[in-house]
C-alpha atoms as a PDB file:
ATOM      1  CA  MET A   1       0.000   0.000   0.000  1.00  0.00           C
ATOM      2  CA  GLU A   2       1.312   3.453  -0.928  1.00  0.00           C
ATOM      3  CA  LEU A   3       1.065   5.455   2.297  1.00  0.00           C
ATOM      4  CA  PHE A   4       0.575   9.207   2.416  1.00  0.00           C
ATOM      5  CA  PHE A   5       3.474  10.950   4.140  1.00  0.00           C
ATOM      6  CA  ARG A   6       4.907  14.307   5.091  1.00  0.00           C
ATOM      7  CA  GLU A   7       8.584  15.111   5.002  1.00  0.00           C
ATOM      8  CA  GLU A   8      10.679  17.482   7.103  1.00  0.00           C
ATOM      9  CA  GLY A   9      14.392  18.223   6.752  1.00  0.00           C
ATOM     10  CA  SER A  10      16.921  16.487   4.541  1.00  0.00           C
ATOM     11  CA  GLN A  11      20.122  16.137   6.544  1.00  0.00           C
ATOM     12  CA  GLY A  12      21.292  13.977   9.435  1.00  0.00           C
ATOM     13  CA  LYS A  13      19.685  10.740  10.575  1.00  0.00           C
ATOM     14  CA  THR A  14      16.559   9.344   8.938  1.00  0.00           C
ATOM     15  CA  ILE A  15      13.551   9.229  11.283  1.00  0.00           C
ATOM     16  CA  VAL A  16      10.163   7.636  10.599  1.00  0.00           C
ATOM     17  CA  ILE A  17       7.235   8.613  12.866  1.00  0.00           C
ATOM     18  CA  ILE A  18       4.142   6.381  13.137  1.00  0.00           C
ATOM     19  CA  HIS A  19       0.946   7.774  14.700  1.00  0.00           C
ATOM     20  CA  GLY A  20      -1.575   5.869  16.803  1.00  0.00           C
ATOM     21  CA  LEU A  21      -5.250   4.898  16.499  1.00  0.00           C
ATOM     22  CA  TYR A  22      -7.487   7.709  15.086  1.00  0.00           C
ATOM     23  CA  GLY A  23      -4.373   9.801  14.461  1.00  0.00           C
ATOM     24  CA  SER A  24      -2.440  10.946  11.409  1.00  0.00           C
ATOM     25  CA  SER A  25       0.808  12.611  10.452  1.00  0.00           C
ATOM     26  CA  ASP A  26      -0.890  15.943  11.281  1.00  0.00           C
ATOM     27  CA  ASN A  27      -0.724  15.102  14.987  1.00  0.00           C
ATOM     28  CA  TRP A  28       3.069  14.847  14.823  1.00  0.00           C
ATOM     29  CA  LEU A  29       3.890  17.877  12.659  1.00  0.00           C
ATOM     30  CA  THR A  30       5.287  19.902  15.561  1.00  0.00           C
ATOM     31  CA  VAL A  31       7.587  17.050  16.574  1.00  0.00           C
ATOM     32  CA  GLY A  32       8.518  16.430  12.940  1.00  0.00           C
ATOM     33  CA  LYS A  33       9.384  20.056  12.255  1.00  0.00           C
ATOM     34  CA  LYS A  34      11.602  20.269  15.343  1.00  0.00           C
ATOM     35  CA  LEU A  35      13.431  17.048  14.539  1.00  0.00           C
ATOM     36  CA  GLY A  36      13.627  18.112  10.896  1.00  0.00           C
ATOM     37  CA  LYS A  37      15.971  20.968  11.806  1.00  0.00           C
ATOM     38  CA  HIS A  38      18.770  18.410  12.155  1.00  0.00           C
ATOM     39  CA  HIS A  39      17.381  15.204  10.638  1.00  0.00           C
ATOM     40  CA  HIS A  40      15.459  13.806   7.684  1.00  0.00           C
ATOM     41  CA  VAL A  41      11.981  13.018   8.997  1.00  0.00           C
ATOM     42  CA  TYR A  42       9.119  11.087   7.446  1.00  0.00           C
ATOM     43  CA  LEU A  43       5.676  11.275   9.061  1.00  0.00           C
ATOM     44  CA  ILE A  44       3.309   8.658   7.676  1.00  0.00           C
ATOM     45  CA  ASP A  45      -0.447   8.168   7.693  1.00  0.00           C
ATOM     46  CA  GLN A  46      -1.158   4.511   8.428  1.00  0.00           C
ATOM     47  CA  ARG A  47      -3.733   2.579   6.379  1.00  0.00           C
ATOM     48  CA  ASN A  48      -7.349   3.512   7.167  1.00  0.00           C
ATOM     49  CA  HIS A  49      -6.143   6.808   8.667  1.00  0.00           C
ATOM     50  CA  GLY A  50      -5.553  10.328   7.429  1.00  0.00           C
ATOM     51  CA  ARG A  51      -4.923  10.617   3.700  1.00  0.00           C
ATOM     52  CA  SER A  52      -3.636   7.083   3.189  1.00  0.00           C
ATOM     53  CA  PRO A  53      -5.852   4.569   1.344  1.00  0.00           C
ATOM     54  CA  ASN A  54      -8.572   2.641   3.105  1.00  0.00           C
ATOM     55  CA  ALA A  55      -8.470  -1.149   3.130  1.00  0.00           C
ATOM     56  CA  ASP A  56     -10.645  -4.009   4.368  1.00  0.00           C
ATOM     57  CA  GLU A  57      -7.732  -5.380   6.402  1.00  0.00           C
ATOM     58  CA  HIS A  58      -6.314  -3.656   9.477  1.00  0.00           C
ATOM     59  CA  THR A  59      -3.825  -5.981  11.141  1.00  0.00           C
ATOM     60  CA  TYR A  60      -0.330  -5.566  12.523  1.00  0.00           C
ATOM     61  CA  GLU A  61       0.880  -7.929   9.808  1.00  0.00           C
ATOM     62  CA  ALA A  62      -0.511  -5.539   7.176  1.00  0.00           C
ATOM     63  CA  MET A  63       0.813  -2.422   8.952  1.00  0.00           C
ATOM     64  CA  LYS A  64       4.237  -4.039   9.270  1.00  0.00           C
ATOM     65  CA  GLU A  65       4.361  -4.792   5.562  1.00  0.00           C
ATOM     66  CA  ASP A  66       3.134  -1.266   4.745  1.00  0.00           C
ATOM     67  CA  LEU A  67       6.191   0.010   6.598  1.00  0.00           C
ATOM     68  CA  ALA A  68       8.496  -2.387   4.797  1.00  0.00           C
ATOM     69  CA  GLU A  69       7.112  -1.188   1.456  1.00  0.00           C
ATOM     70  CA  PHE A  70       7.512   2.433   2.559  1.00  0.00           C
ATOM     71  CA  PHE A  71      11.182   1.854   3.444  1.00  0.00           C
ATOM     72  CA  ASP A  72      11.788   0.200   0.063  1.00  0.00           C
ATOM     73  CA  THR A  73       9.924   2.860  -1.916  1.00  0.00           C
ATOM     74  CA  HIS A  74      11.901   5.684  -0.313  1.00  0.00           C
ATOM     75  CA  ASN A  75      15.234   3.841  -0.322  1.00  0.00           C
ATOM     76  CA  ILE A  76      15.521   3.944   3.471  1.00  0.00           C
ATOM     77  CA  SER A  77      18.193   1.439   4.412  1.00  0.00           C
ATOM     78  CA  LYS A  78      18.078   2.217   8.132  1.00  0.00           C
ATOM     79  CA  ALA A  79      16.116   4.618  10.318  1.00  0.00           C
ATOM     80  CA  ILE A  80      15.195   5.671  13.804  1.00  0.00           C
ATOM     81  CA  VAL A  81      11.565   4.582  14.152  1.00  0.00           C
ATOM     82  CA  ILE A  82       9.192   6.361  16.546  1.00  0.00           C
ATOM     83  CA  GLY A  83       5.761   4.855  17.186  1.00  0.00           C
ATOM     84  CA  HIS A  84       2.929   5.991  19.454  1.00  0.00           C
ATOM     85  CA  SER A  85       0.206   3.673  20.799  1.00  0.00           C
ATOM     86  CA  MET A  86      -0.997   1.455  17.917  1.00  0.00           C
ATOM     87  CA  GLY A  87       1.877   2.908  15.917  1.00  0.00           C
ATOM     88  CA  GLY A  88       4.227   1.776  18.669  1.00  0.00           C
ATOM     89  CA  LYS A  89       2.990  -1.790  18.359  1.00  0.00           C
ATOM     90  CA  ALA A  90       3.389  -1.631  14.579  1.00  0.00           C
ATOM     91  CA  ALA A  91       6.907  -0.254  15.074  1.00  0.00           C
ATOM     92  CA  MET A  92       7.878  -3.058  17.497  1.00  0.00           C
ATOM     93  CA  TYR A  93       6.608  -5.704  15.087  1.00  0.00           C
ATOM     94  CA  PHE A  94       8.367  -4.119  12.111  1.00  0.00           C
ATOM     95  CA  ALA A  95      11.609  -3.836  14.087  1.00  0.00           C
ATOM     96  CA  ALA A  96      11.427  -7.468  15.181  1.00  0.00           C
ATOM     97  CA  GLU A  97      10.886  -8.626  11.576  1.00  0.00           C
ATOM     98  CA  TYR A  98      13.392  -6.233   9.992  1.00  0.00           C
ATOM     99  CA  PRO A  99      16.067  -5.512  12.650  1.00  0.00           C
ATOM    100  CA  GLU A 100      18.600  -4.599   9.972  1.00  0.00           C
ATOM    101  CA  LYS A 101      16.446  -1.555   9.116  1.00  0.00           C
ATOM    102  CA  ILE A 102      16.392  -0.169  12.667  1.00  0.00           C
ATOM    103  CA  GLU A 103      18.986   2.258  13.991  1.00  0.00           C
ATOM    104  CA  LYS A 104      17.004   3.034  17.151  1.00  0.00           C
ATOM    105  CA  LEU A 105      13.459   2.259  18.283  1.00  0.00           C
ATOM    106  CA  ILE A 106      11.357   4.707  20.318  1.00  0.00           C
ATOM    107  CA  ILE A 107       7.979   3.571  21.662  1.00  0.00           C
ATOM    108  CA  ALA A 108       5.563   6.130  23.129  1.00  0.00           C
ATOM    109  CA  ASP A 109       3.086   4.973  25.798  1.00  0.00           C
ATOM    110  CA  ILE A 110       2.251   1.436  24.752  1.00  0.00           C
ATOM    111  CA  ALA A 111       3.382  -2.026  25.827  1.00  0.00           C
ATOM    112  CA  PRO A 112       3.755  -5.225  23.792  1.00  0.00           C
ATOM    113  CA  LYS A 113       0.824  -6.838  25.552  1.00  0.00           C
ATOM    114  CA  ASP A 114      -2.746  -8.040  25.079  1.00  0.00           C
ATOM    115  CA  TYR A 115      -4.931  -5.248  26.448  1.00  0.00           C
ATOM    116  CA  LEU A 116      -8.019  -7.460  26.201  1.00  0.00           C
ATOM    117  CA  ASP A 117      -6.859  -9.139  29.417  1.00  0.00           C
ATOM    118  CA  LEU A 118      -7.686  -6.039  31.483  1.00  0.00           C
ATOM    119  CA  GLY A 119     -11.429  -6.567  31.999  1.00  0.00           C
ATOM    120  CA  GLU A 120     -14.320  -4.119  31.886  1.00  0.00           C
ATOM    121  CA  SER A 121     -12.215  -1.004  32.419  1.00  0.00           C
ATOM    122  CA  SER A 122      -9.781  -1.892  29.648  1.00  0.00           C
ATOM    123  CA  GLN A 123      -8.809   0.179  26.658  1.00  0.00           C
ATOM    124  CA  TYR A 124     -10.972  -2.146  24.532  1.00  0.00           C
ATOM    125  CA  TYR A 125     -14.247  -0.784  25.901  1.00  0.00           C
ATOM    126  CA  GLN A 126     -13.013   2.796  25.707  1.00  0.00           C
ATOM    127  CA  HIS A 127     -12.133   2.383  22.043  1.00  0.00           C
ATOM    128  CA  GLN A 128     -15.353   0.536  21.328  1.00  0.00           C
ATOM    129  CA  LEU A 129     -17.285   3.547  22.640  1.00  0.00           C
ATOM    130  CA  ILE A 130     -15.163   5.949  20.601  1.00  0.00           C
ATOM    131  CA  LEU A 131     -15.706   4.007  17.375  1.00  0.00           C
ATOM    132  CA  GLU A 132     -19.436   3.598  17.994  1.00  0.00           C
ATOM    133  CA  THR A 133     -19.641   7.346  18.564  1.00  0.00           C
ATOM    134  CA  LEU A 134     -17.756   8.087  15.343  1.00  0.00           C
ATOM    135  CA  MET A 135     -20.036   5.710  13.425  1.00  0.00           C
ATOM    136  CA  GLU A 136     -23.097   7.476  14.797  1.00  0.00           C
ATOM    137  CA  LEU A 137     -21.577  10.807  13.818  1.00  0.00           C
ATOM    138  CA  GLN A 138     -20.737   9.550  10.345  1.00  0.00           C
ATOM    139  CA  ASN A 139     -24.197   8.117   9.759  1.00  0.00           C
ATOM    140  CA  ASN A 140     -25.824  11.433  10.689  1.00  0.00           C
ATOM    141  CA  CYS A 141     -23.282  13.843   9.233  1.00  0.00           C
ATOM    142  CA  GLU A 142     -25.965  15.861   7.421  1.00  0.00           C
ATOM    143  CA  ALA A 143     -27.372  16.898  10.806  1.00  0.00           C
ATOM    144  CA  TYR A 144     -24.291  18.966  11.693  1.00  0.00           C
ATOM    145  CA  GLU A 145     -23.629  22.385  10.259  1.00  0.00           C
ATOM    146  CA  SER A 146     -20.491  23.316  12.213  1.00  0.00           C
ATOM    147  CA  ARG A 147     -17.498  21.818  13.990  1.00  0.00           C
ATOM    148  CA  ASP A 148     -18.837  23.294  17.220  1.00  0.00           C
ATOM    149  CA  GLU A 149     -21.971  21.169  16.894  1.00  0.00           C
ATOM    150  CA  ILE A 150     -19.827  18.085  16.286  1.00  0.00           C
ATOM    151  CA  ALA A 151     -17.660  18.919  19.289  1.00  0.00           C
ATOM    152  CA  GLU A 152     -20.769  19.248  21.451  1.00  0.00           C
ATOM    153  CA  PHE A 153     -22.017  15.831  20.284  1.00  0.00           C
ATOM    154  CA  LEU A 154     -18.633  14.173  20.931  1.00  0.00           C
ATOM    155  CA  MET A 155     -18.380  15.774  24.354  1.00  0.00           C
ATOM    156  CA  LEU A 156     -21.834  14.517  25.292  1.00  0.00           C
ATOM    157  CA  LYS A 157     -20.874  10.966  24.320  1.00  0.00           C
ATOM    158  CA  LEU A 158     -17.248  10.815  25.451  1.00  0.00           C
ATOM    159  CA  GLY A 159     -16.940  13.377  28.250  1.00  0.00           C
ATOM    160  CA  SER A 160     -13.278  14.240  27.667  1.00  0.00           C
ATOM    161  CA  GLN A 161     -12.293  17.605  26.233  1.00  0.00           C
ATOM    162  CA  ASP A 162      -8.791  16.412  25.329  1.00  0.00           C
ATOM    163  CA  LEU A 163     -10.162  13.372  23.508  1.00  0.00           C
ATOM    164  CA  VAL A 164     -12.760  15.465  21.663  1.00  0.00           C
ATOM    165  CA  MET A 165     -10.126  17.944  20.481  1.00  0.00           C
ATOM    166  CA  PHE A 166      -7.951  15.059  19.287  1.00  0.00           C
ATOM    167  CA  LEU A 167     -10.782  13.379  17.355  1.00  0.00           C
ATOM    168  CA  LEU A 168     -11.831  16.667  15.767  1.00  0.00           C
ATOM    169  CA  LYS A 169      -8.508  16.743  13.928  1.00  0.00           C
ATOM    170  CA  SER A 170      -9.790  13.842  11.814  1.00  0.00           C
ATOM    171  CA  ILE A 171     -13.073  15.586  10.939  1.00  0.00           C
ATOM    172  CA  TYR A 172     -13.164  17.699   7.775  1.00  0.00           C
ATOM    173  CA  LEU A 173     -15.739  19.408   5.554  1.00  0.00           C
ATOM    174  CA  ASP A 174     -15.976  17.770   2.143  1.00  0.00           C
ATOM    175  CA  LYS A 175     -16.003  20.565  -0.443  1.00  0.00           C
ATOM    176  CA  GLU A 176     -18.115  18.652  -2.944  1.00  0.00           C
ATOM    177  CA  THR A 177     -20.852  17.291  -0.686  1.00  0.00           C
ATOM    178  CA  LYS A 178     -20.661  20.138   1.850  1.00  0.00           C
ATOM    179  CA  ARG A 179     -20.859  17.517   4.586  1.00  0.00           C
ATOM    180  CA  PHE A 180     -18.502  16.675   7.382  1.00  0.00           C
ATOM    181  CA  LYS A 181     -16.521  13.459   6.990  1.00  0.00           C
ATOM    182  CA  CYS A 182     -14.004  11.508   9.022  1.00  0.00           C
ATOM    183  CA  ARG A 183     -10.487  10.664   7.840  1.00  0.00           C
ATOM    184  CA  VAL A 184     -10.679   7.375   9.767  1.00  0.00           C
ATOM    185  CA  ASN A 185     -12.130   4.184   8.282  1.00  0.00           C
ATOM    186  CA  VAL A 186     -14.431   3.714  11.246  1.00  0.00           C
ATOM    187  CA  GLU A 187     -16.220   0.523  10.165  1.00  0.00           C
ATOM    188  CA  VAL A 188     -13.024  -1.404   9.419  1.00  0.00           C
ATOM    189  CA  LEU A 189     -11.365  -0.248  12.629  1.00  0.00           C
ATOM    190  CA  TYR A 190     -14.438  -1.307  14.597  1.00  0.00           C
ATOM    191  CA  ASP A 191     -14.358  -4.748  12.998  1.00  0.00           C
ATOM    192  CA  SER A 192     -10.591  -4.960  13.629  1.00  0.00           C
ATOM    193  CA  LEU A 193     -10.642  -3.703  17.215  1.00  0.00           C
ATOM    194  CA  ASP A 194      -9.806  -7.090  18.762  1.00  0.00           C
ATOM    195  CA  GLU A 195      -6.640  -7.242  16.669  1.00  0.00           C
ATOM    196  CA  VAL A 196      -5.669  -3.628  17.384  1.00  0.00           C
ATOM    197  CA  ILE A 197      -6.067  -4.028  21.153  1.00  0.00           C
ATOM    198  CA  SER A 198      -4.785  -7.567  21.654  1.00  0.00           C
ATOM    199  CA  GLY A 199      -2.307  -8.009  18.813  1.00  0.00           C
ATOM    200  CA  MET A 200       1.467  -7.586  18.879  1.00  0.00           C
ATOM    201  CA  ASN A 201       1.868  -8.911  22.383  1.00  0.00           C
ATOM    202  CA  TYR A 202       4.580 -10.778  24.292  1.00  0.00           C
ATOM    203  CA  ARG A 203       3.783 -14.066  22.522  1.00  0.00           C
ATOM    204  CA  TRP A 204       4.535 -12.499  19.151  1.00  0.00           C
ATOM    205  CA  LEU A 205       8.099 -11.750  20.256  1.00  0.00           C
ATOM    206  CA  GLU A 206       8.979 -14.559  22.662  1.00  0.00           C
ATOM    207  CA  ASP A 207      10.886 -16.618  20.072  1.00  0.00           C
ATOM    208  CA  ARG A 208      13.232 -13.619  19.550  1.00  0.00           C
ATOM    209  CA  ILE A 209      13.899 -12.748  23.192  1.00  0.00           C
ATOM    210  CA  PRO A 210      16.181 -11.115  24.169  1.00  0.00           C
ATOM    211  CA  ILE A 211      16.114  -8.404  21.512  1.00  0.00           C
ATOM    212  CA  LEU A 212      19.466  -6.628  21.560  1.00  0.00           C
ATOM    213  CA  SER A 213      19.920  -5.666  17.897  1.00  0.00           C
ATOM    214  CA  TYR A 214      19.121  -1.973  18.371  1.00  0.00           C
ATOM    215  CA  PRO A 215      18.784   0.568  21.214  1.00  0.00           C
ATOM    216  CA  VAL A 216      15.225   0.940  22.526  1.00  0.00           C
ATOM    217  CA  LEU A 217      13.520   3.736  24.467  1.00  0.00           C
ATOM    218  CA  PHE A 218      10.038   3.533  25.984  1.00  0.00           C
ATOM    219  CA  ILE A 219       8.468   6.878  26.928  1.00  0.00           C
ATOM    220  CA  ARG A 220       5.353   6.768  29.101  1.00  0.00           C
ATOM    221  CA  GLY A 221       2.989   9.322  30.592  1.00  0.00           C
ATOM    222  CA  ALA A 222       2.915   9.328  34.395  1.00  0.00           C
ATOM    223  CA  LYS A 223      -0.894   9.641  34.339  1.00  0.00           C
ATOM    224  CA  SER A 224      -1.406   6.941  31.717  1.00  0.00           C
ATOM    225  CA  ASN A 225      -2.209   3.293  32.441  1.00  0.00           C
ATOM    226  CA  TYR A 226      -0.958   1.991  29.093  1.00  0.00           C
ATOM    227  CA  LEU A 227       2.556   1.176  30.381  1.00  0.00           C
ATOM    228  CA  THR A 228       2.452   0.112  34.040  1.00  0.00           C
ATOM    229  CA  GLU A 229       5.224  -1.008  36.381  1.00  0.00           C
ATOM    230  CA  GLU A 230       4.270  -4.629  35.638  1.00  0.00           C
ATOM    231  CA  ASP A 231       4.565  -3.855  31.936  1.00  0.00           C
ATOM    232  CA  VAL A 232       8.048  -2.429  32.487  1.00  0.00           C
ATOM    233  CA  LYS A 233       9.170  -5.809  33.869  1.00  0.00           C
ATOM    234  CA  MET A 234       7.882  -7.489  30.713  1.00  0.00           C
ATOM    235  CA  VAL A 235       9.533  -4.860  28.503  1.00  0.00           C
ATOM    236  CA  LYS A 236      12.841  -5.557  30.232  1.00  0.00           C
ATOM    237  CA  GLU A 237      12.462  -9.276  29.509  1.00  0.00           C
ATOM    238  CA  ILE A 238      12.034  -8.552  25.818  1.00  0.00           C
ATOM    239  CA  TYR A 239      14.468  -5.625  25.577  1.00  0.00           C
ATOM    240  CA  PRO A 240      16.950  -6.049  28.480  1.00  0.00           C
ATOM    241  CA  GLU A 241      18.826  -2.860  27.609  1.00  0.00           C
ATOM    242  CA  ALA A 242      15.744  -0.700  27.018  1.00  0.00           C
ATOM    243  CA  GLN A 243      15.594   2.727  28.611  1.00  0.00           C
ATOM    244  CA  ILE A 244      12.346   3.807  30.279  1.00  0.00           C
ATOM    245  CA  THR A 245      11.484   7.509  30.575  1.00  0.00           C
ATOM    246  CA  THR A 246       8.405   8.754  32.431  1.00  0.00           C
ATOM    247  CA  ILE A 247       6.942  12.157  31.538  1.00  0.00           C
ATOM    248  CA  PRO A 248       5.294  13.831  34.568  1.00  0.00           C
ATOM    249  CA  ASN A 249       1.788  15.294  34.316  1.00  0.00           C
ATOM    250  CA  ALA A 250       1.154  13.536  31.018  1.00  0.00           C
ATOM    251  CA  GLY A 251      -1.376  10.945  29.946  1.00  0.00           C
ATOM    252  CA  HIS A 252      -1.539   8.810  26.815  1.00  0.00           C
ATOM    253  CA  TRP A 253      -1.125  11.735  24.378  1.00  0.00           C
ATOM    254  CA  LEU A 254       2.098  12.746  26.100  1.00  0.00           C
ATOM    255  CA  HIS A 255       3.641  14.424  23.038  1.00  0.00           C
ATOM    256  CA  ALA A 256       0.753  16.931  23.032  1.00  0.00           C
ATOM    257  CA  GLU A 257       0.372  17.268  26.806  1.00  0.00           C
ATOM    258  CA  GLN A 258       4.054  17.788  27.664  1.00  0.00           C
ATOM    259  CA  PRO A 259       5.698  18.688  24.339  1.00  0.00           C
ATOM    260  CA  LYS A 260       8.949  20.096  25.737  1.00  0.00           C
ATOM    261  CA  LEU A 261       9.633  17.171  28.063  1.00  0.00           C
ATOM    262  CA  PHE A 262       8.718  14.727  25.317  1.00  0.00           C
ATOM    263  CA  MET A 263      11.039  16.434  22.835  1.00  0.00           C
ATOM    264  CA  ASP A 264      13.849  16.470  25.389  1.00  0.00           C
ATOM    265  CA  ALA A 265      13.459  12.700  25.827  1.00  0.00           C
ATOM    266  CA  LEU A 266      13.544  12.164  22.054  1.00  0.00           C
ATOM    267  CA  VAL A 267      16.543  14.387  21.418  1.00  0.00           C
ATOM    268  CA  ASN A 268      18.587  12.957  24.282  1.00  0.00           C
ATOM    269  CA  PHE A 269      18.064   9.410  23.021  1.00  0.00           C
ATOM    270  CA  ILE A 270      18.539  10.225  19.335  1.00  0.00           C
END
């Protein structure tokens, strides 16, 4: 699949940034521009997100091969790969399959684990609600005349201002139909949610442990529950030399909540 991408800078190390679920390269432009002052940065839109093509399949196997094709298409022999959330899982899988293409691996606020094991309060049910809300919005798009009305609807359903502002970045007004649309393939992601939440876990990597082929950094938000102390123990089993950095006063979208501290962590490791 030919992925949409943005490019910043042309000198220094090659860096590839992979966004998370519901995201796009737009969410990482600030980070990309800063890193692009000294490096050559690619920011991709994953399949079924942003301006990349939609597809019926949304698996880590497919995302991994999308990355491999992207590296080949752009003649990237080796790169620093940064992945957030779902993008972090895709990055870990890609790195495990193609270690020769990885200079350094940076994973933002995700663990290589099955999040379906967490019960009723797990990320699975949160994402299920988000996707059901986006489907309802999409099916009634003609009812909304402004982004403010959409924001009000999302807030009523989801109750988180930060989450609403993040999701609004994927909503746009189609110039031809004059209706609001979503740059996320909601139906396919809903059908693929089990894979997104449970896939790329410890069992996928256990035949390669320990992974020592490239330096690894995990960055987590202190207020996030995506990468717990128990998860850190597992991470250390897989990547014994991995560094763990915790960003204070940050949740899952740590690069937006604490941009300076997040950038400092990136630059120091790079």
